[in-house]
């Protein structure tokens, strides 16, 4: 019996050593796995919102030969267009395929970071395959839950794409592999990769430079000699230079570098930063966001405490800083749109996983099973169940309609008014947009150009027609929102000098619009009523008020021939002659 008992104890010890590091991860993942999978499937069938549709058009137009920033005036960085262009190459012109690609890429970034958690928490490069797989699963579950609860309008957004790179970079830098001898190939490769992924987001949203700054600070305070720290920093910055060079090379190849620089460094500070700005007090007092801000700050402080007490290494400083810096990014952008909070909620959830793994590993490594050790283990078990339960709740709350039945996944069913009505908003109507796009496509040729006065370039994408001018946003021609500035007390408002600059920029756009239309009259003009950032709900009247000369030119050469729930189509006279008369809207 003696040898048998000894063998059993040895076997149990081996099983415990193999399974032990994975326990908190499994407790996080299992309670929410089914709910997160259901939310993921439902999210994959959601329609695209306004911003995703705009970027779909920009990427498509550039793919058709338009020059980015010259022929398509966009205030967003090139990384976003690159992502959409890449998705379209993989079939992402289809909405369901686009959503699947986003969820796959986002999920892979979560799982990748999760697989590194054992190396972050205890620095053991020899973490078991089970532990890595379990933490990858836990990260996919917990991080997908916080992502999908944003809903169709605020997922597949600029911040969420950039989070792929940010999360991978911070996770890589936090592993023991990044703290080794910088002369070794593995450490050098890890640091270069971390730097590359850290700097890419700068060309998507410049505020992501805040996270890179925290990573540089972490490299400077790493233990070791000055020479080793300097080498690590140089490797990180070398990767960063590559990360910046890639999107800049894309701009040089597919865009106009000068136009991009003017938009980014001149026009955005002069005009676009005054469109709907909100002070920090207004942003952080929005329902739900005040509590999120408190959680983010407390999470950053809690991880900082673990670093100070040496329960986590100094290289995890960017993990600790991510929630708080995410809040700073939100405040700096001064808009308060929900998708701006992606780095905040992602940072909070990932920090919790790292903290769970670190505390659990210390408790497992204790030489004796004392009361204090047992209490710590129980605390981690309870905390892991709480994190898993929260993920289950978020997945249940994810605001997507049920996935269509397999028999209702044909194009007609997916594009039906009944299904798309679930994605209607106060100023966004997907079915009406498709009706208008089909009308335009049927009455124009693929080489024809179409001008819009709206905020929904997705219509052009659906019609497969390029814009007649670079002005796809109404706010380039109607600057009233920028001239007004913030509607909140204490918010950003332009000075008299800044108003003069805004007016001059708007006037230049209007003059350029007139000249382009005169040289090459488009086949159709599309006005979208109730568009955001217009002064009047009547888009035709709003255009006449802000571009009166072009409006007169238009009325003498074009005629309204269709109206799809406020999306009004004006065809050029030679095309309109074939269409029946349409009564003008009455007040």
Protein backbone atom coordinates (compact mmCIF):
# COMPACT_ATOMS: atom_id res chain seq x y z
CA UNK A 1 0.00 0.00 0.00
CA UNK A 2 2.88 2.31 0.78
CA UNK A 3 4.31 2.50 -2.75
CA UNK A 4 0.81 2.76 -4.18
CA UNK A 5 -0.04 5.73 -1.96
CA UNK A 6 3.28 7.37 -2.82
CA UNK A 7 2.64 6.89 -6.52
CA UNK A 8 -0.85 8.36 -6.15
CA UNK A 9 0.51 11.34 -4.28
CA UNK A 10 3.17 11.88 -6.95
CA UNK A 11 0.59 11.62 -9.72
CA UNK A 12 -1.71 14.08 -7.92
CA UNK A 13 1.21 16.44 -7.45
CA UNK A 14 2.04 16.34 -11.16
CA UNK A 15 -1.59 16.88 -12.12
CA UNK A 16 -1.81 19.78 -9.66
CA UNK A 17 1.35 21.37 -11.04
CA UNK A 18 0.01 20.99 -14.58
CA UNK A 19 -3.54 22.15 -13.86
CA UNK A 20 -2.92 24.62 -11.04
CA UNK A 21 -1.80 27.68 -13.05
CA UNK A 22 -4.86 27.35 -15.29
CA UNK A 23 -7.50 27.32 -12.53
CA UNK A 24 -8.33 31.08 -12.39
CA UNK A 25 -8.38 31.28 -16.17
CA UNK A 26 -10.87 28.42 -16.40
CA UNK A 27 -13.02 30.01 -13.69
CA UNK A 28 -13.14 33.20 -15.76
CA UNK A 29 -13.83 31.48 -19.05
CA UNK A 30 -16.32 28.73 -18.30
CA UNK A 31 -19.21 30.72 -16.75
CA UNK A 32 -19.35 33.10 -19.73
CA UNK A 33 -18.21 30.96 -22.64
CA UNK A 34 -21.66 30.14 -23.99
CA UNK A 35 -22.96 33.68 -23.59
CA UNK A 36 -19.94 35.25 -25.26
CA UNK A 37 -20.14 32.82 -28.16
CA UNK A 38 -23.83 33.68 -28.63
CA UNK A 39 -23.06 37.42 -28.52
CA UNK A 40 -20.25 36.92 -31.03
CA UNK A 41 -22.53 35.11 -33.46
CA UNK A 42 -25.21 37.79 -33.12
CA UNK A 43 -22.62 40.56 -33.57
CA UNK A 44 -21.38 38.91 -36.76
CA UNK A 45 -24.77 39.44 -38.38
CA UNK A 46 -25.13 43.10 -37.45
CA UNK A 47 -25.25 45.82 -40.06
CA UNK A 48 -22.62 48.53 -40.39
CA UNK A 49 -23.06 51.95 -38.84
CA UNK A 50 -22.21 55.37 -40.20
CA UNK A 51 -18.49 55.43 -39.46
CA UNK A 52 -17.81 51.92 -40.72
CA UNK A 53 -19.72 52.76 -43.90
CA UNK A 54 -17.69 55.92 -44.46
CA UNK A 55 -14.41 54.03 -44.15
CA UNK A 56 -15.71 51.29 -46.42
CA UNK A 57 -16.25 53.94 -49.09
CA UNK A 58 -12.87 55.61 -48.57
CA UNK A 59 -11.01 52.29 -48.85
CA UNK A 60 -13.04 51.25 -51.91
CA UNK A 61 -12.56 54.60 -53.68
CA UNK A 62 -8.81 54.45 -53.14
CA UNK A 63 -8.85 50.91 -54.47
CA UNK A 64 -10.62 52.23 -57.58
CA UNK A 65 -7.84 54.72 -58.27
CA UNK A 66 -8.75 57.79 -56.22
CA UNK A 67 -5.84 59.35 -54.34
CA UNK A 68 -6.29 59.34 -50.57
CA UNK A 69 -6.55 62.80 -48.98
CA UNK A 70 -6.54 64.48 -52.41
CA UNK A 71 -9.53 62.93 -54.18
CA UNK A 72 -11.18 61.78 -50.93
CA UNK A 73 -10.88 64.33 -48.15
CA UNK A 74 -10.76 62.42 -44.87
CA UNK A 75 -9.59 63.61 -41.45
CA UNK A 76 -8.72 60.12 -40.24
CA UNK A 77 -5.31 58.49 -40.27
CA UNK A 78 -4.29 56.01 -42.99
CA UNK A 79 -4.25 52.94 -40.72
CA UNK A 80 -8.05 52.89 -40.67
CA UNK A 81 -8.28 52.92 -44.48
CA UNK A 82 -5.62 50.22 -44.62
CA UNK A 83 -7.64 47.95 -42.33
CA UNK A 84 -10.80 48.41 -44.39
CA UNK A 85 -8.90 47.89 -47.64
CA UNK A 86 -7.43 44.67 -46.25
CA UNK A 87 -10.84 43.43 -45.17
CA UNK A 88 -12.28 44.18 -48.60
CA UNK A 89 -9.56 42.09 -50.22
CA UNK A 90 -10.76 39.23 -48.00
CA UNK A 91 -14.39 39.66 -48.98
CA UNK A 92 -15.25 42.32 -46.43
CA UNK A 93 -17.37 44.32 -48.87
CA UNK A 94 -20.12 42.01 -47.60
CA UNK A 95 -21.32 43.21 -44.18
CA UNK A 96 -21.42 39.79 -42.55
CA UNK A 97 -17.96 38.92 -43.83
CA UNK A 98 -16.69 42.30 -42.63
CA UNK A 99 -18.06 41.67 -39.15
CA UNK A 100 -16.61 38.15 -39.08
CA UNK A 101 -13.18 39.48 -40.08
CA UNK A 102 -13.35 42.13 -37.36
CA UNK A 103 -14.38 39.62 -34.70
CA UNK A 104 -11.70 37.15 -35.79
CA UNK A 105 -8.89 39.73 -35.78
CA UNK A 106 -10.10 41.26 -32.52
CA UNK A 107 -10.50 37.85 -30.92
CA UNK A 108 -7.04 36.74 -32.04
CA UNK A 109 -5.49 39.85 -30.49
CA UNK A 110 -7.28 39.04 -27.22
CA UNK A 111 -6.20 35.39 -27.26
CA UNK A 112 -2.61 36.33 -28.17
CA UNK A 113 -2.35 38.68 -25.21
CA UNK A 114 -4.01 36.12 -22.95
CA UNK A 115 -1.53 33.42 -23.94
CA UNK A 116 1.24 35.74 -22.72
CA UNK A 117 -0.36 36.31 -19.30
CA UNK A 118 1.52 33.43 -17.58
CA UNK A 119 4.81 34.95 -18.74
CA UNK A 120 3.69 38.37 -17.58
CA UNK A 121 2.51 37.26 -14.16
CA UNK A 122 5.39 35.07 -13.06
CA UNK A 123 8.07 35.53 -15.71
CA UNK A 124 8.26 31.78 -16.32
CA UNK A 125 9.03 31.15 -19.97
CA UNK A 126 8.21 27.49 -19.40
CA UNK A 127 4.56 28.02 -18.63
CA UNK A 128 2.59 24.89 -19.51
CA UNK A 129 0.70 24.70 -22.75
CA UNK A 130 -2.49 24.22 -20.73
CA UNK A 131 -1.90 27.43 -18.78
CA UNK A 132 -1.27 29.42 -21.95
CA UNK A 133 -4.34 27.94 -23.67
CA UNK A 134 -6.52 28.54 -20.62
CA UNK A 135 -5.45 32.18 -20.28
CA UNK A 136 -5.89 32.69 -24.03
CA UNK A 137 -9.46 31.39 -23.68
CA UNK A 138 -10.09 33.52 -20.59
CA UNK A 139 -8.84 36.61 -22.38
CA UNK A 140 -10.99 35.90 -25.42
CA UNK A 141 -14.06 35.48 -23.20
CA UNK A 142 -13.53 38.45 -20.87
CA UNK A 143 -12.23 40.87 -23.49
CA UNK A 144 -14.80 39.88 -26.12
CA UNK A 145 -17.58 40.50 -23.59
CA UNK A 146 -16.40 44.04 -22.89
CA UNK A 147 -16.01 44.63 -26.64
CA UNK A 148 -19.32 43.29 -27.88
CA UNK A 149 -21.41 45.17 -25.33
CA UNK A 150 -20.62 48.35 -27.27
CA UNK A 151 -23.10 47.34 -29.99
CA UNK A 152 -23.04 47.57 -33.78
CA UNK A 153 -22.53 51.36 -33.96
CA UNK A 154 -19.43 51.44 -31.76
CA UNK A 155 -17.60 48.22 -32.67
CA UNK A 156 -15.29 47.85 -35.69
CA UNK A 157 -14.31 51.42 -34.94
CA UNK A 158 -11.01 53.25 -35.16
CA UNK A 159 -10.10 52.68 -31.51
CA UNK A 160 -11.00 48.99 -31.61
CA UNK A 161 -8.79 48.39 -34.66
CA UNK A 162 -5.91 50.25 -33.04
CA UNK A 163 -6.41 48.22 -29.85
CA UNK A 164 -5.18 45.14 -31.76
CA UNK A 165 -1.74 46.70 -32.00
CA UNK A 166 -1.77 48.35 -28.58
CA UNK A 167 -2.72 45.22 -26.67
CA UNK A 168 -0.20 43.05 -28.50
CA UNK A 169 2.54 45.60 -27.91
CA UNK A 170 1.88 46.04 -24.20
CA UNK A 171 1.55 42.30 -23.62
CA UNK A 172 4.80 41.54 -25.46
CA UNK A 173 6.74 44.19 -23.55
CA UNK A 174 5.37 42.90 -20.23
CA UNK A 175 6.76 39.37 -20.74
CA UNK A 176 10.07 38.20 -19.35
CA UNK A 177 11.29 37.83 -22.91
CA UNK A 178 11.44 41.61 -23.25
CA UNK A 179 13.60 41.95 -20.12
CA UNK A 180 16.34 39.58 -21.15
CA UNK A 181 19.75 40.40 -22.55
CA UNK A 182 19.05 42.85 -25.40
CA UNK A 183 21.90 41.27 -27.33
CA UNK A 184 19.94 38.04 -27.63
CA UNK A 185 17.88 37.54 -30.76
CA UNK A 186 14.69 36.63 -28.90
CA UNK A 187 14.75 39.72 -26.68
CA UNK A 188 15.64 41.97 -29.60
CA UNK A 189 12.81 40.53 -31.71
CA UNK A 190 10.33 40.95 -28.86
CA UNK A 191 11.26 44.60 -28.30
CA UNK A 192 11.24 45.47 -31.99
CA UNK A 193 7.83 43.83 -32.41
CA UNK A 194 6.52 45.67 -29.33
CA UNK A 195 7.77 49.00 -30.67
CA UNK A 196 6.35 48.40 -34.14
CA UNK A 197 2.90 47.54 -32.77
CA UNK A 198 3.03 50.47 -30.34
CA UNK A 199 3.70 53.13 -32.97
CA UNK A 200 1.36 51.95 -35.75
CA UNK A 201 -1.71 53.40 -33.95
CA UNK A 202 -0.19 56.90 -34.06
CA UNK A 203 -1.22 57.02 -37.72
CA UNK A 204 -4.76 56.07 -36.74
CA UNK A 205 -5.30 58.24 -33.67
CA UNK A 206 -2.41 60.40 -32.43
CA UNK A 207 -3.65 60.08 -28.83
CA UNK A 208 -2.35 56.50 -28.82
CA UNK A 209 1.11 58.04 -28.40
CA UNK A 210 0.19 58.32 -24.70
CA UNK A 211 0.44 54.54 -24.35
CA UNK A 212 3.79 54.49 -26.15
CA UNK A 213 5.06 57.06 -23.65
CA UNK A 214 4.18 54.72 -20.77
CA UNK A 215 6.05 51.91 -22.51
CA UNK A 216 9.14 54.09 -22.88
CA UNK A 217 8.97 54.98 -19.18
CA UNK A 218 8.77 51.28 -18.35
CA UNK A 219 11.90 50.60 -20.39
CA UNK A 220 13.75 53.40 -18.60
CA UNK A 221 12.92 52.09 -15.10
CA UNK A 222 13.67 48.43 -15.84
CA UNK A 223 16.19 46.81 -13.50
CA UNK A 224 19.68 46.39 -14.85
CA UNK A 225 22.52 48.50 -16.08
CA UNK A 226 22.20 51.73 -18.00
CA UNK A 227 23.67 50.19 -21.15
CA UNK A 228 21.16 47.33 -21.19
CA UNK A 229 18.25 49.74 -20.68
CA UNK A 230 19.53 51.99 -23.45
CA UNK A 231 19.80 49.03 -25.84
CA UNK A 232 16.24 47.94 -25.04
CA UNK A 233 15.00 51.45 -25.66
CA UNK A 234 16.84 51.68 -28.98
CA UNK A 235 15.35 48.37 -30.10
CA UNK A 236 11.86 49.50 -29.10
CA UNK A 237 12.27 52.81 -30.94
CA UNK A 238 13.66 51.03 -34.00
CA UNK A 239 10.51 48.95 -34.11
CA UNK A 240 8.50 52.14 -33.63
CA UNK A 241 10.19 53.72 -36.64
CA UNK A 242 9.13 50.72 -38.74
CA UNK A 243 5.63 51.00 -37.33
CA UNK A 244 5.40 54.61 -38.47
CA UNK A 245 7.06 53.93 -41.82
CA UNK A 246 4.53 51.31 -42.92
CA UNK A 247 1.41 53.55 -42.98
CA UNK A 248 3.44 56.51 -44.23
CA UNK A 249 4.66 54.36 -47.11
CA UNK A 250 1.04 53.50 -47.85
CA UNK A 251 0.18 57.21 -47.97
CA UNK A 252 3.09 57.82 -50.34
CA UNK A 253 1.91 54.96 -52.59
CA UNK A 254 -1.88 55.43 -52.48
CA UNK A 255 -2.34 58.98 -51.26
CA UNK A 256 -1.06 62.53 -51.34
CA UNK A 257 1.44 63.11 -48.53
CA UNK A 258 1.11 66.89 -48.76
CA UNK A 259 -2.69 66.74 -48.61
CA UNK A 260 -2.53 64.33 -45.66
CA UNK A 261 -0.14 66.64 -43.81
CA UNK A 262 -2.35 69.68 -44.43
CA UNK A 263 -5.48 67.93 -43.23
CA UNK A 264 -3.77 66.43 -40.18
CA UNK A 265 -1.59 69.28 -38.98
CA UNK A 266 -3.40 72.37 -40.30
CA UNK A 267 -7.09 71.74 -40.94
CA UNK A 268 -7.84 69.53 -37.93
CA UNK A 269 -6.45 72.04 -35.39
CA UNK A 270 -8.01 74.97 -37.27
CA UNK A 271 -11.52 73.58 -37.77
CA UNK A 272 -12.38 70.01 -36.92
CA UNK A 273 -11.45 70.09 -33.25
CA UNK A 274 -14.27 72.61 -32.71
CA UNK A 275 -16.99 70.22 -33.96
CA UNK A 276 -18.99 68.95 -30.98
CA UNK A 277 -16.25 69.34 -28.35
CA UNK A 278 -17.13 68.51 -24.75
CA UNK A 279 -15.28 69.33 -21.54
CA UNK A 280 -14.01 66.53 -19.32
CA UNK A 281 -16.72 67.20 -16.74
CA UNK A 282 -19.45 66.61 -19.32
CA UNK A 283 -17.81 63.49 -20.76
CA UNK A 284 -17.18 61.79 -17.44
CA UNK A 285 -20.65 62.60 -16.12
CA UNK A 286 -22.42 60.75 -18.94
CA UNK A 287 -24.56 57.85 -17.63
CA UNK A 288 -22.32 54.89 -16.89
CA UNK A 289 -19.07 56.65 -17.66
CA UNK A 290 -18.53 58.23 -14.24
CA UNK A 291 -18.48 54.76 -12.67
CA UNK A 292 -16.28 53.46 -15.50
CA UNK A 293 -13.82 56.29 -14.85
CA UNK A 294 -13.65 55.37 -11.17
CA UNK A 295 -13.11 51.69 -11.98
CA UNK A 296 -10.37 52.57 -14.47
CA UNK A 297 -8.49 54.76 -12.00
CA UNK A 298 -8.82 52.20 -9.20
CA UNK A 299 -7.64 49.43 -11.52
CA UNK A 300 -4.55 51.42 -12.51
CA UNK A 301 -3.81 52.19 -8.84
CA UNK A 302 -4.29 48.55 -7.82
CA UNK A 303 -1.84 47.29 -10.44
CA UNK A 304 0.58 50.07 -9.57
CA UNK A 305 0.45 48.80 -5.98
CA UNK A 306 1.27 45.28 -7.17
CA UNK A 307 4.26 46.70 -9.04
CA UNK A 308 5.46 48.73 -6.04
CA UNK A 309 5.17 45.68 -3.78
CA UNK A 310 7.04 43.60 -6.40
CA UNK A 311 4.18 41.23 -7.03
CA UNK A 312 4.40 42.35 -10.63
CA UNK A 313 7.58 43.35 -12.48
CA UNK A 314 8.23 46.95 -13.50
CA UNK A 315 7.80 46.07 -17.14
CA UNK A 316 4.04 45.70 -16.48
CA UNK A 317 3.78 49.45 -15.88
CA UNK A 318 2.05 49.98 -19.29
CA UNK A 319 -0.54 47.35 -18.32
CA UNK A 320 -1.25 49.30 -15.13
CA UNK A 321 -1.31 52.63 -16.95
CA UNK A 322 -3.60 51.58 -19.81
CA UNK A 323 -6.98 52.18 -18.09
CA UNK A 324 -6.00 55.60 -16.75
CA UNK A 325 -4.27 56.69 -19.95
CA UNK A 326 -7.32 55.53 -21.87
CA UNK A 327 -9.34 58.04 -19.86
CA UNK A 328 -6.78 60.74 -20.63
CA UNK A 329 -7.14 59.91 -24.33
CA UNK A 330 -10.91 60.26 -24.10
CA UNK A 331 -10.61 63.65 -22.41
CA UNK A 332 -7.96 64.90 -24.87
CA UNK A 333 -10.18 64.01 -27.84
CA UNK A 334 -12.91 66.07 -26.13
CA UNK A 335 -15.85 64.39 -27.89
CA UNK A 336 -16.99 61.69 -25.50
CA UNK A 337 -18.22 59.24 -28.14
CA UNK A 338 -18.70 55.75 -26.65
CA UNK A 339 -16.14 54.11 -28.95
CA UNK A 340 -13.46 56.43 -27.59
CA UNK A 341 -13.63 54.33 -24.40
CA UNK A 342 -12.43 51.11 -26.06
CA UNK A 343 -8.87 51.37 -24.66
CA UNK A 344 -10.32 52.08 -21.20
CA UNK A 345 -12.57 49.04 -20.97
CA UNK A 346 -10.01 46.82 -22.67
CA UNK A 347 -7.30 48.02 -20.30
CA UNK A 348 -9.47 47.38 -17.25
CA UNK A 349 -10.39 43.83 -18.27
CA UNK A 350 -6.85 42.87 -19.27
CA UNK A 351 -5.39 44.33 -16.09
CA UNK A 352 -7.77 42.21 -14.04
CA UNK A 353 -6.57 39.06 -15.77
CA UNK A 354 -2.92 39.95 -15.16
CA UNK A 355 -3.65 40.70 -11.50
CA UNK A 356 -5.50 37.40 -11.05
CA UNK A 357 -2.64 35.44 -12.59
CA UNK A 358 0.02 37.25 -10.53
CA UNK A 359 -1.69 36.80 -7.16
CA UNK A 360 -2.59 33.19 -7.94
CA UNK A 361 0.94 32.33 -8.98
CA UNK A 362 2.34 33.72 -5.73
CA UNK A 363 -0.17 31.70 -3.75
CA UNK A 364 0.71 28.54 -5.69
CA UNK A 365 4.42 29.10 -5.17
CA UNK A 366 4.11 29.43 -1.38
CA UNK A 367 6.30 26.82 0.34
CA UNK A 368 3.68 25.96 2.94
CA UNK A 369 -0.10 25.77 2.83
CA UNK A 370 -0.77 28.26 5.62
CA UNK A 371 -4.09 29.87 6.48
CA UNK A 372 -2.97 33.07 4.72
CA UNK A 373 -2.09 31.15 1.56
CA UNK A 374 -5.43 29.34 1.56
CA UNK A 375 -7.20 32.69 2.03
CA UNK A 376 -5.33 34.19 -0.93
CA UNK A 377 -6.21 31.25 -3.12
CA UNK A 378 -9.88 31.46 -2.13
CA UNK A 379 -9.85 35.20 -2.81
CA UNK A 380 -8.49 34.62 -6.31
CA UNK A 381 -11.09 31.91 -6.95
CA UNK A 382 -13.90 34.24 -5.90
CA UNK A 383 -12.44 37.13 -7.92
CA UNK A 384 -12.08 34.92 -11.01
CA UNK A 385 -15.70 33.84 -10.71
CA UNK A 386 -16.74 37.48 -10.38
CA UNK A 387 -14.80 38.41 -13.54
CA UNK A 388 -16.36 35.47 -15.37
CA UNK A 389 -19.81 36.37 -14.10
CA UNK A 390 -19.36 39.96 -15.23
CA UNK A 391 -18.34 38.73 -18.69
CA UNK A 392 -21.47 36.57 -18.81
CA UNK A 393 -23.62 39.57 -17.88
CA UNK A 394 -21.99 41.81 -20.52
CA UNK A 395 -22.48 39.13 -23.16
CA UNK A 396 -26.14 38.82 -22.21
CA UNK A 397 -26.49 42.63 -22.42
CA UNK A 398 -24.80 42.90 -25.84
CA UNK A 399 -27.37 44.87 -27.88
CA UNK A 400 -27.70 42.77 -31.03
CA UNK A 401 -30.85 41.19 -32.44
CA UNK A 402 -31.00 37.39 -32.72
CA UNK A 403 -28.92 35.86 -35.49
CA UNK A 404 -31.01 35.15 -38.61
CA UNK A 405 -32.13 31.58 -39.07
CA UNK A 406 -30.09 29.56 -41.59
CA UNK A 407 -33.04 29.69 -43.99
CA UNK A 408 -33.06 33.52 -43.80
CA UNK A 409 -29.44 34.20 -44.67
CA UNK A 410 -29.89 34.84 -48.36
CA UNK A 411 -29.27 38.36 -49.68
CA UNK A 412 -32.97 39.21 -49.90
CA UNK A 413 -33.68 38.27 -46.31
CA UNK A 414 -30.59 39.94 -44.91
CA UNK A 415 -31.36 43.16 -46.80
CA UNK A 416 -35.07 43.20 -45.99
CA UNK A 417 -36.66 46.23 -44.38
CA UNK A 418 -37.86 44.10 -41.45
CA UNK A 419 -34.35 42.93 -40.55
CA UNK A 420 -32.55 46.23 -41.20
CA UNK A 421 -35.07 48.20 -39.14
CA UNK A 422 -33.28 46.86 -36.06
CA UNK A 423 -30.37 49.11 -37.02
CA UNK A 424 -32.34 52.31 -37.69
CA UNK A 425 -31.29 55.39 -35.76
CA UNK A 426 -32.68 58.89 -35.52
CA UNK A 427 -30.65 59.98 -38.57
CA UNK A 428 -29.55 56.67 -40.10
CA UNK A 429 -31.79 54.33 -42.11
CA UNK A 430 -29.97 51.35 -43.68
CA UNK A 431 -32.84 50.13 -45.87
CA UNK A 432 -33.59 53.58 -47.29
CA UNK A 433 -29.88 54.00 -48.01
CA UNK A 434 -29.86 50.76 -49.97
CA UNK A 435 -32.96 51.77 -51.90
CA UNK A 436 -31.31 55.07 -52.83
CA UNK A 437 -28.06 53.33 -53.79
CA UNK A 438 -29.91 50.86 -56.02
CA UNK A 439 -31.75 53.74 -57.69
CA UNK A 440 -28.51 55.64 -58.37
CA UNK A 441 -26.72 52.54 -59.63
CA UNK A 442 -29.57 51.70 -62.03
CA UNK A 443 -29.59 55.16 -63.59
CA UNK A 444 -25.88 55.87 -63.87
CA UNK A 445 -22.90 54.03 -65.32
CA UNK A 446 -19.96 52.67 -63.30
CA UNK A 447 -17.77 55.50 -64.62
CA UNK A 448 -20.22 58.21 -63.59
CA UNK A 449 -19.47 60.35 -60.56
CA UNK A 450 -22.02 61.24 -57.88
CA UNK A 451 -21.92 64.12 -55.40
CA UNK A 452 -23.47 63.85 -51.95
CA UNK A 453 -24.41 66.42 -49.37
CA UNK A 454 -24.65 64.22 -46.33
CA UNK A 455 -22.62 62.31 -43.75
CA UNK A 456 -23.14 58.86 -45.24
CA UNK A 457 -20.60 58.04 -47.91
CA UNK A 458 -21.66 54.42 -47.42
CA UNK A 459 -24.39 55.16 -49.97
CA UNK A 460 -21.69 55.72 -52.59
CA UNK A 461 -20.05 52.44 -51.61
CA UNK A 462 -23.35 50.56 -51.92
CA UNK A 463 -23.96 52.13 -55.32
CA UNK A 464 -20.33 51.54 -56.38
CA UNK A 465 -20.04 55.14 -57.55
CA UNK A 466 -17.18 57.50 -56.72
CA UNK A 467 -17.67 60.99 -55.38
CA UNK A 468 -17.50 63.85 -57.86
CA UNK A 469 -15.40 65.92 -55.43
CA UNK A 470 -13.28 65.22 -52.36
CA UNK A 471 -16.06 66.53 -50.09
CA UNK A 472 -17.89 63.52 -48.69
CA UNK A 473 -18.66 65.18 -45.34
CA UNK A 474 -21.29 67.93 -45.07
CA UNK A 475 -19.22 69.70 -42.40
CA UNK A 476 -16.63 70.60 -45.04
CA UNK A 477 -19.26 72.86 -46.63
CA UNK A 478 -21.37 73.78 -43.61
CA UNK A 479 -19.08 74.94 -40.81
CA UNK A 480 -21.80 76.10 -38.42
CA UNK A 481 -21.04 73.36 -35.90
CA UNK A 482 -17.36 74.30 -35.81
CA UNK A 483 -18.16 78.00 -35.60
CA UNK A 484 -20.45 77.37 -32.64
CA UNK A 485 -18.09 75.09 -30.74
CA UNK A 486 -19.16 73.31 -27.58
CA UNK A 487 -22.74 73.30 -26.37
CA UNK A 488 -21.57 72.56 -22.81
CA UNK A 489 -20.55 75.23 -20.30
CA UNK A 490 -16.78 75.41 -20.18
CA UNK A 491 -16.40 73.58 -23.48
CA UNK A 492 -14.09 74.55 -26.33
CA UNK A 493 -15.31 77.55 -28.35
CA UNK A 494 -13.36 79.22 -31.21
CA UNK A 495 -12.09 82.75 -30.78
CA UNK A 496 -12.83 85.45 -33.36
CA UNK A 497 -9.50 84.77 -35.06
CA UNK A 498 -10.20 81.03 -35.11
CA UNK A 499 -13.66 81.67 -36.56
CA UNK A 500 -12.07 83.62 -39.38
CA UNK A 501 -9.84 80.65 -40.15
CA UNK A 502 -12.81 78.28 -40.11
CA UNK A 503 -14.80 80.51 -42.46
CA UNK A 504 -11.82 80.85 -44.80
CA UNK A 505 -11.36 77.08 -44.90
CA UNK A 506 -15.06 76.47 -45.55
CA UNK A 507 -15.13 79.13 -48.27
CA UNK A 508 -12.15 77.51 -49.96
CA UNK A 509 -13.98 74.16 -49.94
CA UNK A 510 -17.12 75.74 -51.43
CA UNK A 511 -15.15 77.48 -54.17
CA UNK A 512 -13.29 74.28 -55.00
CA UNK A 513 -16.57 72.35 -55.05
CA UNK A 514 -18.08 74.84 -57.50
CA UNK A 515 -15.07 74.72 -59.81
CA UNK A 516 -14.97 70.91 -59.88
CA UNK A 517 -18.69 70.56 -60.53
CA UNK A 518 -18.56 73.15 -63.31
CA UNK A 519 -15.66 71.33 -65.00
CA UNK A 520 -17.26 67.92 -64.75
CA UNK A 521 -20.96 67.85 -63.79
CA UNK A 522 -21.74 64.60 -61.95
CA UNK A 523 -24.52 62.30 -63.05
CA UNK A 524 -26.40 62.71 -59.81
CA UNK A 525 -26.52 64.73 -56.61
CA UNK A 526 -27.74 63.11 -53.39
CA UNK A 527 -29.08 65.08 -50.42
CA UNK A 528 -29.72 63.32 -47.11
CA UNK A 529 -32.17 65.07 -44.80
CA UNK A 530 -31.66 64.98 -41.02
CA UNK A 531 -27.94 64.40 -41.39
CA UNK A 532 -25.86 65.31 -38.35
CA UNK A 533 -23.82 68.53 -38.41
CA UNK A 534 -26.30 70.26 -40.74
CA UNK A 535 -28.05 73.41 -39.54
CA UNK A 536 -31.36 72.51 -41.18
CA UNK A 537 -33.06 69.11 -41.27
CA UNK A 538 -33.82 69.86 -44.94
CA UNK A 539 -30.57 69.02 -46.72
CA UNK A 540 -31.47 70.88 -49.93
CA UNK A 541 -32.30 74.05 -48.01
CA UNK A 542 -29.17 73.67 -45.91
CA UNK A 543 -27.03 73.33 -49.02
CA UNK A 544 -28.65 76.39 -50.60
CA UNK A 545 -27.93 78.41 -47.46
CA UNK A 546 -24.25 77.46 -47.34
CA UNK A 547 -23.39 77.04 -51.03
CA UNK A 548 -25.86 79.42 -52.72
CA UNK A 549 -23.97 79.75 -56.01
CA UNK A 550 -23.65 76.01 -56.46
CA UNK A 551 -27.30 75.57 -55.45
CA UNK A 552 -28.37 77.95 -58.25
CA UNK A 553 -26.13 76.13 -60.74
CA UNK A 554 -27.60 72.82 -59.57
CA UNK A 555 -31.24 73.91 -59.88
CA UNK A 556 -30.70 74.91 -63.50
CA UNK A 557 -29.14 71.59 -64.54
CA UNK A 558 -30.60 68.91 -62.25
CA UNK A 559 -34.01 67.79 -61.08
CA UNK A 560 -35.14 65.77 -58.07
CA UNK A 561 -36.43 62.43 -59.31
CA UNK A 562 -36.68 60.30 -56.15
CA UNK A 563 -37.02 60.50 -52.38
CA UNK A 564 -36.28 57.54 -50.12
CA UNK A 565 -37.27 58.55 -46.58
CA UNK A 566 -35.43 61.84 -46.90
CA UNK A 567 -32.62 60.62 -49.16
CA UNK A 568 -33.34 62.79 -52.18
CA UNK A 569 -31.85 62.04 -55.58
CA UNK A 570 -31.30 64.79 -58.15
CA UNK A 571 -30.37 63.55 -61.61
CA UNK A 572 -28.67 65.60 -64.30
CA UNK A 573 -31.24 66.88 -66.82
CA UNK A 574 -30.26 64.45 -69.58
CA UNK A 575 -30.83 61.54 -67.17
CA UNK A 576 -33.81 63.10 -65.39
CA UNK A 577 -35.70 63.44 -68.66
CA UNK A 578 -36.43 59.72 -68.54
CA UNK A 579 -37.88 59.91 -65.02
CA UNK A 580 -41.38 60.94 -63.87
CA UNK A 581 -41.90 64.24 -62.08
CA UNK A 582 -41.50 64.15 -58.29
CA UNK A 583 -43.30 66.73 -56.21
CA UNK A 584 -41.04 68.92 -54.10
CA UNK A 585 -41.42 68.40 -50.34
CA UNK A 586 -43.78 70.80 -48.56
CA UNK A 587 -43.29 72.40 -45.19
